[in-house]
């Protein structure tokens, strides 16, 4: 099992940057917040790759690493994207090292000539590259497995470039590729190199880098997640503005998701128990303010998982009926293990004929009101229960665009229905964004309505 070396900072950030502390007390106004920041490690992120600058690849690594660093209690002030150019990379990495305690570099560790991250980082840190026998053996084993049924295939010479590592560095094995991760430590500075592909970067960070950085923290960091649905980000922020304005320790960070808002409460303390005690009253207050809109306090629990749990708890069988979402709502529910216990069937009634045949929508409704209407959504949901004998149903019909909209029924208009215990609920939405975004928002709101209907009947019993 990989374990990080224990290593302390040789110099403070101010000493490294040769920043003099003013002798005049009138200019040295050190607040308690500034003192707290001085205790916190500052991390900087540099993502490498010309393809990122050109927009060929979406930089999901930046979002992931930012959130993970925040979870660790690290302060991140800068993020940079730099292309595969040695001169520009050198300047960016040098600048990052000068002003931050930890620099995380992702990308540019491949076998080709334009993969320069390791070479440039080693030059900035003034260390040589040497071949690591263990890494070479790992690369050999990777290709032996890959080419097991291809006797004519062989390892190209450039792949051995990945076995070169900065002398004295900590090597992070890559279980999902050939490029090892690397950690360089020098004079109070840490430079961490990670491969670019997310399926390599994420497990490497979580299994090796996260525990390494966690041990570097002078205090224990504990966080708790509150997941909210059915309320927009601006409303959530407005309701907790007083808490955010007054926060010191713990802190509240908001993360906007499609149709959801996540609140992370993070506390620093001498030990876990003290940190949990700091978090507890904040969580209690948030529960009072948001009530049933909180669908989970479990970091890893998704909205669809909570909906499936509710259906199981109430012993309900569900049917979905979708038009504009084309089965995406059903697919999201099926992603949850054990969904088959409660999800019995799903209809994609994209045409009017299908709506009438499978969910008993009246021809007169389709003719007079149209496929995208509150009445059609209502009859889709009600007809699904009647035709299948299920306990509860959810229906979606709308205009995802980009064409087909009118002044009366613009693109983004979506009706979502839910039929449960003889009562049918319908909500009207006007979503913004392209076709994919409209459909994505409709799926989330379908889950929200389904959850709300179950909870409403549960609390009214």
Protein backbone atom coordinates (compact mmCIF):
# COMPACT_ATOMS: atom_id res chain seq x y z
CA UNK A 1 0.00 0.00 0.00
CA UNK A 2 1.32 3.44 -0.96
CA UNK A 3 2.11 5.77 1.93
CA UNK A 4 3.31 9.37 1.61
CA UNK A 5 6.55 10.52 3.15
CA UNK A 6 6.16 12.81 6.12
CA UNK A 7 7.70 16.13 5.24
CA UNK A 8 7.30 19.63 6.65
CA UNK A 9 7.54 23.06 5.06
CA UNK A 10 11.04 24.45 5.37
CA UNK A 11 10.01 28.05 4.90
CA UNK A 12 6.80 30.04 5.05
CA UNK A 13 5.16 31.41 1.94
CA UNK A 14 6.30 34.91 2.80
CA UNK A 15 9.92 33.82 3.21
CA UNK A 16 9.85 31.98 -0.11
CA UNK A 17 8.56 35.05 -1.93
CA UNK A 18 11.01 37.36 -0.07
CA UNK A 19 8.10 39.43 1.15
CA UNK A 20 9.17 41.57 4.08
CA UNK A 21 6.79 42.04 7.01
CA UNK A 22 6.27 45.76 7.59
CA UNK A 23 7.85 47.01 10.79
CA UNK A 24 5.29 49.77 11.18
CA UNK A 25 2.32 48.34 13.04
CA UNK A 26 0.01 50.78 11.30
CA UNK A 27 0.68 49.04 8.00
CA UNK A 28 0.72 45.54 9.44
CA UNK A 29 -3.00 45.11 10.04
CA UNK A 30 -3.14 41.35 10.54
CA UNK A 31 -6.73 40.23 11.05
CA UNK A 32 -7.75 36.90 12.50
CA UNK A 33 -8.87 35.89 9.03
CA UNK A 34 -5.45 36.64 7.59
CA UNK A 35 -3.81 34.67 10.38
CA UNK A 36 -6.07 31.75 9.52
CA UNK A 37 -5.09 32.01 5.85
CA UNK A 38 -1.40 31.89 6.80
CA UNK A 39 -2.04 28.50 8.40
CA UNK A 40 -3.76 27.20 5.30
CA UNK A 41 -1.80 25.67 2.46
CA UNK A 42 -2.31 27.49 -0.82
CA UNK A 43 -2.76 25.25 -3.83
CA UNK A 44 -2.58 26.26 -7.49
CA UNK A 45 -3.82 24.31 -10.48
CA UNK A 46 -2.13 24.24 -13.89
CA UNK A 47 -3.84 22.24 -16.64
CA UNK A 48 -1.64 21.47 -19.62
CA UNK A 49 -2.73 20.90 -23.20
CA UNK A 50 -3.21 22.91 -26.37
CA UNK A 51 -6.42 20.94 -26.94
CA UNK A 52 -7.88 22.61 -23.83
CA UNK A 53 -7.09 26.08 -25.19
CA UNK A 54 -8.68 25.20 -28.52
CA UNK A 55 -11.82 23.89 -26.86
CA UNK A 56 -11.41 20.40 -28.28
CA UNK A 57 -11.70 18.94 -24.77
CA UNK A 58 -13.82 20.20 -21.87
CA UNK A 59 -11.63 20.76 -18.82
CA UNK A 60 -13.52 18.59 -16.33
CA UNK A 61 -10.31 17.97 -14.39
CA UNK A 62 -10.27 21.58 -13.18
CA UNK A 63 -13.75 21.34 -11.69
CA UNK A 64 -12.99 18.01 -10.04
CA UNK A 65 -9.62 19.05 -8.56
CA UNK A 66 -11.01 22.39 -7.35
CA UNK A 67 -13.77 20.67 -5.41
CA UNK A 68 -11.40 18.05 -3.96
CA UNK A 69 -8.93 20.73 -2.83
CA UNK A 70 -11.76 22.68 -1.21
CA UNK A 71 -12.78 19.50 0.58
CA UNK A 72 -9.23 19.25 1.91
CA UNK A 73 -9.44 22.78 3.25
CA UNK A 74 -6.82 24.11 0.84
CA UNK A 75 -7.05 27.66 -0.50
CA UNK A 76 -6.98 27.95 -4.29
CA UNK A 77 -6.42 31.44 -5.68
CA UNK A 78 -5.25 30.70 -9.23
CA UNK A 79 -5.96 28.28 -12.06
CA UNK A 80 -4.13 28.33 -15.38
CA UNK A 81 -4.43 26.51 -18.68
CA UNK A 82 -1.26 26.46 -20.77
CA UNK A 83 -0.51 24.89 -24.14
CA UNK A 84 2.21 22.41 -25.05
CA UNK A 85 4.92 25.04 -25.34
CA UNK A 86 8.10 24.70 -23.29
CA UNK A 87 8.80 28.40 -22.83
CA UNK A 88 5.25 29.30 -21.77
CA UNK A 89 4.96 26.23 -19.55
CA UNK A 90 8.20 27.13 -17.79
CA UNK A 91 6.96 30.64 -16.99
CA UNK A 92 3.57 29.42 -15.77
CA UNK A 93 4.98 26.67 -13.55
CA UNK A 94 7.70 28.93 -12.12
CA UNK A 95 5.16 31.59 -11.28
CA UNK A 96 2.88 29.01 -9.63
CA UNK A 97 5.73 27.62 -7.54
CA UNK A 98 6.74 31.12 -6.42
CA UNK A 99 3.32 32.05 -5.05
CA UNK A 100 1.75 28.78 -3.88
CA UNK A 101 2.64 25.99 -1.47
CA UNK A 102 1.26 23.20 -3.65
CA UNK A 103 1.14 23.19 -7.45
CA UNK A 104 -0.95 20.51 -9.15
CA UNK A 105 -0.15 19.92 -12.82
CA UNK A 106 -2.43 17.71 -14.90
CA UNK A 107 -1.84 16.53 -18.44
CA UNK A 108 1.21 16.32 -20.65
CA UNK A 109 2.66 13.10 -19.19
CA UNK A 110 2.21 11.02 -22.34
CA UNK A 111 4.87 9.40 -24.52
CA UNK A 112 4.90 11.88 -27.41
CA UNK A 113 7.27 14.78 -28.04
CA UNK A 114 4.68 17.43 -27.16
CA UNK A 115 4.16 15.88 -23.69
CA UNK A 116 6.50 18.19 -21.80
CA UNK A 117 5.04 18.63 -18.31
CA UNK A 118 7.43 16.31 -16.51
CA UNK A 119 10.50 17.68 -18.28
CA UNK A 120 9.58 21.31 -17.65
CA UNK A 121 8.55 20.74 -14.03
CA UNK A 122 11.83 18.93 -13.33
CA UNK A 123 13.78 21.84 -14.83
CA UNK A 124 11.88 24.36 -12.71
CA UNK A 125 12.56 22.30 -9.58
CA UNK A 126 16.24 21.84 -10.60
CA UNK A 127 16.27 18.03 -10.64
CA UNK A 128 17.35 15.51 -13.27
CA UNK A 129 15.23 12.79 -14.85
CA UNK A 130 16.30 9.22 -14.16
CA UNK A 131 14.79 5.90 -15.22
CA UNK A 132 12.77 4.16 -12.52
CA UNK A 133 12.93 0.38 -12.77
CA UNK A 134 9.61 -0.15 -10.99
CA UNK A 135 7.80 2.19 -13.38
CA UNK A 136 9.43 0.52 -16.38
CA UNK A 137 8.20 -2.85 -15.13
CA UNK A 138 4.69 -1.44 -14.69
CA UNK A 139 4.70 -0.16 -18.28
CA UNK A 140 5.93 -3.53 -19.51
CA UNK A 141 3.18 -5.35 -17.59
CA UNK A 142 0.54 -2.94 -18.92
CA UNK A 143 1.46 -3.60 -22.55
CA UNK A 144 1.93 -7.33 -21.99
CA UNK A 145 -1.67 -7.45 -20.87
CA UNK A 146 -2.87 -5.12 -23.64
CA UNK A 147 -1.11 -7.12 -26.37
CA UNK A 148 -1.81 -10.57 -24.91
CA UNK A 149 -3.80 -11.60 -27.99
CA UNK A 150 -1.81 -9.54 -30.49
CA UNK A 151 1.54 -11.31 -31.07
CA UNK A 152 2.57 -8.84 -33.80
CA UNK A 153 2.15 -5.77 -31.54
CA UNK A 154 5.12 -4.36 -29.65
CA UNK A 155 5.94 -1.49 -27.32
CA UNK A 156 7.26 1.54 -29.20
CA UNK A 157 10.44 3.16 -27.90
CA UNK A 158 8.74 6.44 -26.99
CA UNK A 159 6.66 4.66 -24.31
CA UNK A 160 9.82 4.20 -22.25
CA UNK A 161 9.95 7.97 -21.88
CA UNK A 162 7.26 7.55 -19.24
CA UNK A 163 9.66 5.51 -17.08
CA UNK A 164 11.83 8.62 -16.61
CA UNK A 165 11.03 10.35 -13.33
CA UNK A 166 12.45 13.38 -11.47
CA UNK A 167 15.22 12.21 -9.18
CA UNK A 168 14.09 11.89 -5.57
CA UNK A 169 10.39 12.20 -6.39
CA UNK A 170 7.51 10.19 -4.93
CA UNK A 171 6.07 7.95 -7.65
CA UNK A 172 2.34 7.35 -7.86
CA UNK A 173 1.49 4.10 -9.64
CA UNK A 174 -1.10 4.35 -12.40
CA UNK A 175 -3.45 1.36 -12.33
CA UNK A 176 -5.32 2.61 -15.41
CA UNK A 177 -2.58 3.75 -17.77
CA UNK A 178 1.15 3.99 -18.38
CA UNK A 179 1.98 7.49 -17.08
CA UNK A 180 2.84 7.47 -13.37
CA UNK A 181 1.92 10.40 -11.19
CA UNK A 182 4.76 12.24 -9.46
CA UNK A 183 5.30 14.35 -6.36
CA UNK A 184 8.33 16.62 -6.04
CA UNK A 185 9.17 18.27 -2.72
CA UNK A 186 11.70 21.04 -2.25
CA UNK A 187 12.23 23.86 0.20
CA UNK A 188 8.64 24.20 1.38
CA UNK A 189 7.12 23.60 -2.04
CA UNK A 190 5.20 20.62 -3.43
CA UNK A 191 4.67 19.99 -7.13
CA UNK A 192 2.25 17.19 -8.04
CA UNK A 193 2.03 15.82 -11.58
CA UNK A 194 -1.09 13.91 -12.64
CA UNK A 195 -2.06 12.28 -15.96
CA UNK A 196 -4.68 14.10 -18.01
CA UNK A 197 -7.32 11.38 -18.73
CA UNK A 198 -9.98 11.62 -15.99
CA UNK A 199 -10.20 7.83 -15.65
CA UNK A 200 -6.53 7.88 -14.64
CA UNK A 201 -6.42 11.18 -12.75
CA UNK A 202 -9.45 10.68 -10.48
CA UNK A 203 -8.53 7.31 -8.91
CA UNK A 204 -4.90 8.41 -8.57
CA UNK A 205 -5.91 11.58 -6.76
CA UNK A 206 -8.44 9.90 -4.48
CA UNK A 207 -6.30 6.91 -3.57
CA UNK A 208 -2.86 8.51 -3.34
CA UNK A 209 -2.78 12.31 -3.56
CA UNK A 210 -5.75 13.04 -1.29
CA UNK A 211 -4.32 11.12 1.70
CA UNK A 212 -0.89 12.63 1.04
CA UNK A 213 -2.24 16.19 1.16
CA UNK A 214 -4.52 15.39 4.07
CA UNK A 215 -1.50 14.49 6.20
CA UNK A 216 0.13 17.82 5.36
CA UNK A 217 -2.69 19.80 6.93
CA UNK A 218 -1.91 21.17 10.40
CA UNK A 219 -5.54 20.63 11.42
CA UNK A 220 -8.20 17.99 10.82
CA UNK A 221 -10.65 18.91 8.07
CA UNK A 222 -14.20 17.52 8.26
CA UNK A 223 -17.01 18.33 5.87
CA UNK A 224 -20.68 17.51 5.52
CA UNK A 225 -22.82 17.81 2.40
CA UNK A 226 -26.41 19.05 2.25
CA UNK A 227 -28.12 18.31 -1.06
CA UNK A 228 -31.14 20.41 -2.01
CA UNK A 229 -33.64 20.09 -4.87
CA UNK A 230 -36.69 22.06 -5.95
CA UNK A 231 -35.13 25.46 -5.13
CA UNK A 232 -32.88 27.55 -7.36
CA UNK A 233 -29.35 28.61 -6.49
CA UNK A 234 -30.23 32.28 -6.01
CA UNK A 235 -33.03 31.39 -3.59
CA UNK A 236 -30.76 29.08 -1.61
CA UNK A 237 -28.05 31.73 -1.37
CA UNK A 238 -30.58 34.38 -0.31
CA UNK A 239 -31.82 32.18 2.53
CA UNK A 240 -28.32 31.60 3.90
CA UNK A 241 -26.79 35.00 3.18
CA UNK A 242 -26.62 35.82 6.89
CA UNK A 243 -24.81 32.54 7.61
CA UNK A 244 -22.29 33.11 4.83
CA UNK A 245 -21.63 36.72 5.88
CA UNK A 246 -20.96 35.68 9.46
CA UNK A 247 -19.01 32.49 8.75
CA UNK A 248 -15.47 31.87 9.96
CA UNK A 249 -15.21 28.24 11.02
CA UNK A 250 -17.08 26.26 9.81
CA UNK A 251 -17.64 27.62 6.31
CA UNK A 252 -20.44 27.01 3.82
CA UNK A 253 -19.72 26.61 0.11
CA UNK A 254 -22.46 26.37 -2.52
CA UNK A 255 -22.27 24.22 -5.66
CA UNK A 256 -24.92 24.65 -8.33
CA UNK A 257 -25.91 21.51 -10.22
CA UNK A 258 -28.61 21.06 -12.84
CA UNK A 259 -31.83 21.37 -10.84
CA UNK A 260 -29.97 21.01 -7.55
CA UNK A 261 -27.86 23.00 -5.11
CA UNK A 262 -25.27 21.34 -2.87
CA UNK A 263 -23.99 22.98 0.31
CA UNK A 264 -20.72 21.81 1.79
CA UNK A 265 -20.09 22.67 5.42
CA UNK A 266 -16.39 22.42 6.29
CA UNK A 267 -14.80 22.76 9.70
CA UNK A 268 -11.20 22.76 10.91
CA UNK A 269 -10.31 21.56 14.38
CA UNK A 270 -7.70 19.72 16.41
CA UNK A 271 -9.52 16.42 15.92
CA UNK A 272 -12.53 14.95 14.14
CA UNK A 273 -14.85 15.08 17.14
CA UNK A 274 -14.29 18.81 17.65
CA UNK A 275 -14.80 19.45 13.92
CA UNK A 276 -18.08 17.49 13.93
CA UNK A 277 -19.28 19.53 16.92
CA UNK A 278 -18.68 22.72 14.95
CA UNK A 279 -20.60 21.39 11.95
CA UNK A 280 -23.60 20.00 13.84
CA UNK A 281 -25.43 23.29 14.67
CA UNK A 282 -24.95 24.57 11.11
CA UNK A 283 -26.49 21.39 9.66
CA UNK A 284 -29.37 21.70 12.13
CA UNK A 285 -29.99 25.30 11.05
CA UNK A 286 -29.94 24.39 7.35
CA UNK A 287 -32.44 21.61 7.95
CA UNK A 288 -34.75 24.10 9.65
CA UNK A 289 -34.48 26.51 6.71
CA UNK A 290 -34.84 24.06 3.83
CA UNK A 291 -36.89 21.23 5.31
CA UNK A 292 -38.18 18.72 2.77
CA UNK A 293 -36.14 20.32 -0.01
CA UNK A 294 -33.10 18.58 1.46
CA UNK A 295 -33.07 15.20 -0.22
CA UNK A 296 -29.81 13.90 1.25
CA UNK A 297 -26.95 14.61 3.63
CA UNK A 298 -24.96 11.72 2.19
CA UNK A 299 -21.98 12.83 0.10
CA UNK A 300 -22.42 9.98 -2.37
CA UNK A 301 -26.23 9.80 -2.57
CA UNK A 302 -27.80 11.00 -5.82
CA UNK A 303 -31.30 12.33 -6.32
CA UNK A 304 -32.36 9.26 -8.29
CA UNK A 305 -31.05 6.98 -5.53
CA UNK A 306 -33.16 8.83 -2.98
CA UNK A 307 -36.22 8.53 -5.21
CA UNK A 308 -35.68 4.79 -5.62
CA UNK A 309 -35.27 4.47 -1.83
CA UNK A 310 -38.58 6.30 -1.31
CA UNK A 311 -40.36 4.02 -3.76
CA UNK A 312 -38.95 0.96 -2.01
CA UNK A 313 -39.82 2.31 1.42
CA UNK A 314 -43.43 2.90 0.38
CA UNK A 315 -43.58 -0.35 -1.61
CA UNK A 316 -44.59 1.46 -4.80
CA UNK A 317 -44.37 0.35 -8.43
CA UNK A 318 -43.48 3.08 -10.92
CA UNK A 319 -44.10 3.65 -14.61
CA UNK A 320 -42.48 6.47 -16.59
CA UNK A 321 -44.00 8.04 -19.71
CA UNK A 322 -41.72 10.33 -21.70
CA UNK A 323 -41.93 12.33 -24.87
CA UNK A 324 -39.24 15.04 -25.22
CA UNK A 325 -36.84 13.34 -22.81
CA UNK A 326 -36.90 10.16 -24.91
CA UNK A 327 -36.36 7.74 -22.02
CA UNK A 328 -33.65 9.75 -20.25
CA UNK A 329 -35.66 9.90 -17.02
CA UNK A 330 -36.13 6.13 -17.01
CA UNK A 331 -32.45 5.63 -17.85
CA UNK A 332 -31.36 7.76 -14.91
CA UNK A 333 -33.49 5.71 -12.54
CA UNK A 334 -32.15 2.48 -14.00
CA UNK A 335 -28.62 3.65 -13.16
CA UNK A 336 -29.48 2.89 -9.53
CA UNK A 337 -28.76 -0.70 -8.49
CA UNK A 338 -31.97 -2.41 -7.41
CA UNK A 339 -34.23 -0.12 -9.44
CA UNK A 340 -35.94 -3.19 -10.93
CA UNK A 341 -37.69 -3.75 -7.59
CA UNK A 342 -39.84 -0.67 -8.14
CA UNK A 343 -39.49 0.44 -11.78
CA UNK A 344 -41.64 -1.92 -13.80
CA UNK A 345 -41.84 -0.28 -17.22
CA UNK A 346 -41.13 2.89 -19.13
CA UNK A 347 -42.85 4.27 -22.23
CA UNK A 348 -41.34 6.60 -24.81
CA UNK A 349 -44.47 8.03 -26.41
CA UNK A 350 -42.84 10.39 -28.85
CA UNK A 351 -45.74 10.50 -31.30
CA UNK A 352 -49.36 11.42 -30.68
CA UNK A 353 -50.37 7.94 -31.80
CA UNK A 354 -48.15 6.39 -29.12
CA UNK A 355 -49.54 8.71 -26.46
CA UNK A 356 -53.07 7.63 -27.32
CA UNK A 357 -52.28 3.91 -27.70
CA UNK A 358 -50.12 3.28 -24.65
CA UNK A 359 -51.25 5.90 -22.13
CA UNK A 360 -54.82 6.55 -23.24
CA UNK A 361 -54.41 10.25 -24.03
CA UNK A 362 -57.64 11.37 -25.70
CA UNK A 363 -57.51 12.22 -29.38
CA UNK A 364 -59.56 15.32 -28.63
CA UNK A 365 -56.95 16.46 -26.10
CA UNK A 366 -54.14 16.05 -28.61
CA UNK A 367 -56.15 17.86 -31.26
CA UNK A 368 -57.42 20.75 -29.14
CA UNK A 369 -54.62 21.21 -26.59
CA UNK A 370 -51.65 19.75 -28.45
CA UNK A 371 -49.04 17.22 -27.40
CA UNK A 372 -47.27 19.86 -25.29
CA UNK A 373 -49.94 20.87 -22.81
CA UNK A 374 -50.86 20.50 -19.17
CA UNK A 375 -53.85 18.33 -20.05
CA UNK A 376 -51.76 15.96 -22.17
CA UNK A 377 -49.19 15.58 -19.38
CA UNK A 378 -52.02 14.88 -16.95
CA UNK A 379 -53.63 12.25 -19.17
CA UNK A 380 -50.24 10.63 -19.89
CA UNK A 381 -49.58 10.19 -16.16
CA UNK A 382 -53.11 9.07 -15.35
CA UNK A 383 -53.28 6.73 -18.35
CA UNK A 384 -50.00 5.08 -17.39
CA UNK A 385 -51.44 4.08 -14.01
CA UNK A 386 -54.68 2.85 -15.57
CA UNK A 387 -53.07 0.85 -18.38
CA UNK A 388 -50.35 -0.80 -16.30
CA UNK A 389 -51.86 -1.07 -12.84
CA UNK A 390 -48.82 0.58 -11.25
CA UNK A 391 -49.01 2.67 -8.07
CA UNK A 392 -47.43 5.86 -9.33
CA UNK A 393 -46.35 7.36 -12.65
CA UNK A 394 -44.45 10.36 -13.95
CA UNK A 395 -44.91 11.91 -17.40
CA UNK A 396 -42.88 14.43 -19.42
CA UNK A 397 -43.89 16.29 -22.57
CA UNK A 398 -42.36 19.45 -23.98
CA UNK A 399 -40.47 21.34 -26.64
CA UNK A 400 -36.73 20.72 -26.39
CA UNK A 401 -35.96 22.62 -29.59
CA UNK A 402 -34.11 24.02 -31.31
CA UNK A 403 -37.11 24.29 -33.67
CA UNK A 404 -40.84 23.88 -33.26
CA UNK A 405 -41.51 26.69 -30.82
CA UNK A 406 -44.21 29.34 -31.18
CA UNK A 407 -45.11 32.52 -29.30
CA UNK A 408 -47.70 30.62 -27.29
CA UNK A 409 -45.52 27.55 -26.82
CA UNK A 410 -41.84 28.54 -26.93
CA UNK A 411 -38.88 26.19 -27.00
CA UNK A 412 -38.14 25.14 -23.43
CA UNK A 413 -41.78 24.76 -22.43
CA UNK A 414 -42.17 21.45 -20.58
CA UNK A 415 -45.04 19.92 -18.65
CA UNK A 416 -44.34 17.23 -16.07
CA UNK A 417 -47.09 15.17 -14.50
CA UNK A 418 -47.35 12.68 -11.65
CA UNK A 419 -50.30 10.46 -10.80
CA UNK A 420 -50.49 8.93 -7.33
CA UNK A 421 -53.39 7.62 -5.29
CA UNK A 422 -56.05 8.93 -7.64
CA UNK A 423 -54.66 12.46 -7.79
CA UNK A 424 -52.68 13.87 -10.71
CA UNK A 425 -50.25 16.76 -10.34
CA UNK A 426 -48.86 18.80 -13.25
CA UNK A 427 -46.09 21.40 -13.20
CA UNK A 428 -45.23 23.82 -16.00
CA UNK A 429 -41.61 24.76 -16.68
CA UNK A 430 -39.84 27.18 -18.99
CA UNK A 431 -36.27 25.96 -19.33
CA UNK A 432 -33.39 27.83 -20.96
CA UNK A 433 -30.52 26.37 -22.94
CA UNK A 434 -30.03 24.09 -25.92
CA UNK A 435 -31.89 20.87 -26.65
CA UNK A 436 -29.65 18.78 -24.41
CA UNK A 437 -29.89 21.23 -21.51
CA UNK A 438 -33.69 21.43 -21.71
CA UNK A 439 -33.96 17.65 -21.64
CA UNK A 440 -31.49 17.39 -18.75
CA UNK A 441 -33.45 19.91 -16.68
CA UNK A 442 -36.71 18.14 -17.45
CA UNK A 443 -35.30 14.84 -16.18
CA UNK A 444 -34.22 16.41 -12.87
CA UNK A 445 -37.56 18.12 -12.36
CA UNK A 446 -39.34 14.87 -13.13
CA UNK A 447 -37.41 13.26 -10.27
CA UNK A 448 -38.20 16.22 -8.01
CA UNK A 449 -41.94 16.05 -8.73
CA UNK A 450 -41.97 12.30 -8.20
CA UNK A 451 -40.24 12.75 -4.84
CA UNK A 452 -42.53 15.60 -3.81
CA UNK A 453 -45.68 13.60 -4.58
CA UNK A 454 -44.54 10.65 -2.49
CA UNK A 455 -43.51 12.88 0.43
CA UNK A 456 -46.72 14.91 0.31
CA UNK A 457 -48.85 11.80 0.65
CA UNK A 458 -46.50 10.35 3.25
CA UNK A 459 -46.69 13.40 5.52
CA UNK A 460 -50.46 13.74 5.04
CA UNK A 461 -51.18 10.18 6.14
